[in-house]
Amino acid sequence: MTYLVRHYKQRRLFRDPPPDRRALLEYLEKAQARVTTHFQTLNASGPIQVILIACSAGKLDHDAPAKDLYTGQLFRKSRAYAEKTEQPYFILSALHGLLEPTKVIGPYNYTLKKQRLREREAWGTRVVDSIVWHVPQASTITLLAGSDYADPIESKLKLKGFKIDRPLKGLGIGQQQQKLIELTRAIP
C-alpha cells in the first residue's frame, strides 16, 4: 500500500482528487488487489523463456504491426529466430519501449544511439518495469540487441531475478547476422 500512496502523490492517479481520505484508501486497496491478482496470475505457471529483439532503423513508411514495421536485416533475422523457437518475444523500441509484436505503430526516427546515458538509463527503467509486468519472475530472457539497447536493461533485469542470455554480445553486425542464421538452423 505504501508504494501506491507514494505513486498517487507522484503521479496523481486521479484527475479529480478523491472526496476524502477514506475514498482514497479504498481506491488504493482495490488497486493493490488488482496488482496482486495480476502478479499471482502471471507467475502461476512459473518461469518461461522470452526473447527481446532490438528495433531497427529501417522501417516501412506506414503504420503496421511492430513485427512488420521494422525492415532491417538484423531485425528480420532476429524475428525469424524468435518465431522458429516458438517462444514469446517482444520488441525493444527506442521510442515506445517494450512492444508486443502485434502492436500497430507508425514509423518514427528515434534511436538510443544518440541519447545521453541518463536518457538511456531512464528508457531502461521503463522497459524493465514493462518486462516485470509481462514476464513471470525468474524467467530466462534472450537479448538479441546491441549494447545501446541491452546495457540499460541487463543489470536491472538481473536484479529483478531474471536470467539473461546474450548470444550476440560483442559481435559486429555481420557476425550477429551469421550467428542468428546458425542459431535458427540449429532449431529442429
Protein backbone atom coordinates (compact mmCIF):
# COMPACT_ATOMS: atom_id res chain seq x y z
CA MET A 1 0.00 0.00 0.00
CA THR A 2 2.85 2.38 0.74
CA TYR A 3 4.02 2.13 -2.88
CA LEU A 4 0.59 3.09 -4.18
CA VAL A 5 0.26 6.04 -1.81
CA ARG A 6 3.69 7.26 -2.95
CA HIS A 7 2.69 6.58 -6.56
CA TYR A 8 -0.53 8.55 -6.09
CA LYS A 9 1.35 11.54 -4.71
CA GLN A 10 3.92 11.47 -7.52
CA ARG A 11 1.69 10.68 -10.50
CA ARG A 12 -1.74 11.93 -9.45
CA LEU A 13 -3.70 8.82 -10.32
CA PHE A 14 -6.94 10.78 -10.06
CA ARG A 15 -7.92 13.54 -12.42
CA ASP A 16 -10.11 14.91 -9.67
CA PRO A 17 -8.92 14.48 -6.10
CA PRO A 18 -10.86 11.88 -4.11
CA PRO A 19 -13.57 13.37 -1.94
CA ASP A 20 -11.93 12.19 1.27
CA ARG A 21 -9.19 10.05 2.77
CA ARG A 22 -11.48 7.02 3.03
CA ALA A 23 -12.23 7.11 -0.71
CA LEU A 24 -8.52 7.35 -1.45
CA LEU A 25 -7.71 4.40 0.81
CA GLU A 26 -10.50 2.30 -0.72
CA TYR A 27 -9.25 3.11 -4.20
CA LEU A 28 -5.68 2.24 -3.25
CA GLU A 29 -6.73 -1.05 -1.64
CA LYS A 30 -8.66 -2.04 -4.79
CA ALA A 31 -5.73 -1.03 -6.98
CA GLN A 32 -3.33 -3.05 -4.81
CA ALA A 33 -5.65 -6.07 -5.03
CA ARG A 34 -5.69 -5.80 -8.84
CA VAL A 35 -1.90 -5.62 -8.93
CA THR A 36 -1.55 -8.59 -6.58
CA THR A 37 -4.01 -10.64 -8.64
CA HIS A 38 -2.17 -9.75 -11.84
CA PHE A 39 1.19 -10.94 -10.50
CA GLN A 40 -0.29 -14.10 -8.99
CA THR A 41 -1.83 -14.97 -12.36
CA LEU A 42 1.33 -14.03 -14.28
CA ASN A 43 3.59 -16.15 -12.08
CA ALA A 44 1.20 -19.08 -11.59
CA SER A 45 2.74 -21.26 -14.31
CA GLY A 46 6.33 -20.46 -13.38
CA PRO A 47 9.28 -19.11 -15.35
CA ILE A 48 9.36 -19.14 -19.14
CA GLN A 49 11.83 -18.25 -21.87
CA VAL A 50 11.33 -14.92 -23.63
CA ILE A 51 13.23 -13.23 -26.45
CA LEU A 52 13.77 -9.48 -26.72
CA ILE A 53 14.65 -8.08 -30.16
CA ALA A 54 16.01 -4.60 -30.76
CA CYS A 55 14.16 -2.47 -33.30
CA SER A 56 15.89 -1.31 -36.47
CA ALA A 57 16.45 1.99 -38.23
CA GLY A 58 14.85 0.62 -41.39
CA LYS A 59 11.07 0.89 -41.25
CA LEU A 60 8.06 0.82 -43.52
CA ASP A 61 6.63 4.24 -44.40
CA HIS A 62 3.18 3.48 -42.94
CA ASP A 63 1.56 2.12 -39.78
CA ALA A 64 1.98 -1.62 -39.28
CA PRO A 65 2.27 -4.23 -36.53
CA ALA A 66 5.67 -3.79 -34.87
CA LYS A 67 6.89 -7.19 -36.13
CA ASP A 68 6.28 -6.00 -39.71
CA LEU A 69 7.23 -2.33 -39.34
CA TYR A 70 10.96 -2.89 -38.86
CA THR A 71 12.77 -3.88 -42.05
CA GLY A 72 16.45 -4.08 -41.07
CA GLN A 73 18.27 -7.33 -41.89
CA LEU A 74 19.36 -7.94 -38.29
CA PHE A 75 15.82 -7.40 -37.07
CA ARG A 76 14.42 -9.78 -39.70
CA LYS A 77 16.91 -12.49 -38.77
CA SER A 78 16.19 -11.99 -35.07
CA ARG A 79 12.46 -12.22 -35.71
CA ALA A 80 12.90 -15.38 -37.80
CA TYR A 81 14.88 -16.96 -34.98
CA ALA A 82 12.33 -15.93 -32.32
CA GLU A 83 9.39 -17.23 -34.35
CA LYS A 84 11.13 -20.52 -35.11
CA THR A 85 11.80 -21.11 -31.40
CA GLU A 86 8.06 -20.57 -30.77
CA GLN A 87 8.97 -18.70 -27.60
CA PRO A 88 7.17 -15.46 -26.80
CA TYR A 89 9.05 -12.39 -27.91
CA PHE A 90 8.89 -8.64 -27.55
CA ILE A 91 10.49 -5.80 -29.46
CA LEU A 92 12.67 -3.16 -27.80
CA SER A 93 11.76 0.17 -29.37
CA ALA A 94 13.80 3.28 -28.69
CA LEU A 95 10.62 5.37 -28.82
CA HIS A 96 7.93 3.03 -27.49
CA GLY A 97 9.87 0.86 -25.02
CA LEU A 98 8.66 -2.75 -24.83
CA LEU A 99 6.35 -3.65 -27.70
CA GLU A 100 4.24 -6.69 -28.33
CA PRO A 101 4.87 -7.87 -31.91
CA THR A 102 1.24 -7.31 -32.95
CA LYS A 103 1.02 -3.74 -31.61
CA VAL A 104 0.33 -1.39 -34.52
CA ILE A 105 2.64 1.63 -34.56
CA GLY A 106 3.72 4.22 -37.06
CA PRO A 107 7.19 4.86 -38.44
CA TYR A 108 9.46 7.12 -36.43
CA ASN A 109 13.03 8.35 -36.43
CA TYR A 110 14.44 7.92 -32.93
CA THR A 111 17.37 5.89 -31.65
CA LEU A 112 19.10 5.27 -28.35
CA LYS A 113 22.50 5.69 -30.00
CA LYS A 114 22.14 9.49 -29.95
CA GLN A 115 20.77 9.69 -26.40
CA ARG A 116 22.70 10.64 -23.28
CA LEU A 117 23.45 7.97 -20.71
CA ARG A 118 20.83 9.41 -18.37
CA GLU A 119 18.14 9.15 -21.09
CA ARG A 120 19.14 5.56 -21.94
CA GLU A 121 19.01 4.65 -18.25
CA ALA A 122 15.51 6.17 -17.93
CA TRP A 123 14.45 4.21 -21.02
CA GLY A 124 15.91 1.06 -19.45
CA THR A 125 13.96 1.58 -16.24
CA ARG A 126 10.69 1.98 -18.20
CA VAL A 127 11.42 -1.15 -20.24
CA VAL A 128 12.29 -3.24 -17.18
CA ASP A 129 9.09 -2.11 -15.45
CA SER A 130 7.15 -3.30 -18.52
CA ILE A 131 9.01 -6.61 -18.59
CA VAL A 132 8.24 -7.22 -14.92
CA TRP A 133 4.57 -6.61 -15.72
CA HIS A 134 4.53 -9.01 -18.73
CA VAL A 135 7.06 -11.78 -17.94
CA PRO A 136 6.93 -14.22 -14.98
CA GLN A 137 9.58 -13.95 -12.28
CA ALA A 138 12.86 -15.88 -12.74
CA SER A 139 12.26 -16.30 -16.48
CA THR A 140 15.16 -16.56 -18.91
CA ILE A 141 15.43 -13.62 -21.29
CA THR A 142 17.41 -13.89 -24.51
CA LEU A 143 18.56 -10.42 -25.56
CA LEU A 144 19.03 -10.07 -29.31
CA ALA A 145 20.22 -6.49 -29.12
CA GLY A 146 23.35 -4.41 -29.31
CA SER A 147 24.84 -2.72 -26.28
CA ASP A 148 22.82 0.50 -26.75
CA TYR A 149 19.65 -1.48 -26.06
CA ALA A 150 20.94 -4.30 -23.86
CA ASP A 151 23.18 -2.41 -21.44
CA PRO A 152 20.44 -0.15 -19.97
CA ILE A 153 18.32 -3.20 -19.07
CA GLU A 154 20.62 -6.18 -18.47
CA SER A 155 21.77 -5.41 -14.92
CA LYS A 156 18.32 -4.17 -13.90
CA LEU A 157 16.75 -7.42 -15.13
CA LYS A 158 19.31 -9.48 -13.22
CA LEU A 159 18.49 -7.52 -10.05
CA LYS A 160 14.83 -8.42 -10.60
CA GLY A 161 15.76 -12.13 -10.70
CA PHE A 162 15.70 -12.76 -14.45
CA LYS A 163 18.32 -14.92 -16.13
CA ILE A 164 19.93 -13.20 -19.14
CA ASP A 165 21.39 -14.77 -22.28
CA ARG A 166 23.14 -12.54 -24.85
CA PRO A 167 24.25 -14.79 -27.72
CA LEU A 168 25.21 -11.78 -29.89
CA LYS A 169 27.21 -9.89 -27.27
CA GLY A 170 30.49 -8.48 -28.56
CA LEU A 171 29.84 -9.40 -32.21
CA GLY A 172 29.83 -6.99 -35.14
CA ILE A 173 26.69 -6.63 -37.27
CA GLY A 174 27.79 -9.16 -39.88
CA GLN A 175 28.82 -11.63 -37.19
CA GLN A 176 25.49 -11.13 -35.41
CA GLN A 177 23.61 -11.92 -38.59
CA GLN A 178 25.71 -15.03 -39.19
CA LYS A 179 25.20 -16.18 -35.57
CA LEU A 180 21.43 -15.74 -35.93
CA ILE A 181 21.45 -17.81 -39.13
CA GLU A 182 23.37 -20.56 -37.29
CA LEU A 183 21.05 -20.43 -34.26
CA THR A 184 17.96 -20.58 -36.48
CA ARG A 185 19.30 -23.54 -38.46
CA ALA A 186 20.08 -25.40 -35.23
CA ILE A 187 16.42 -25.39 -34.17
CA PRO A 188 14.75 -28.69 -35.15
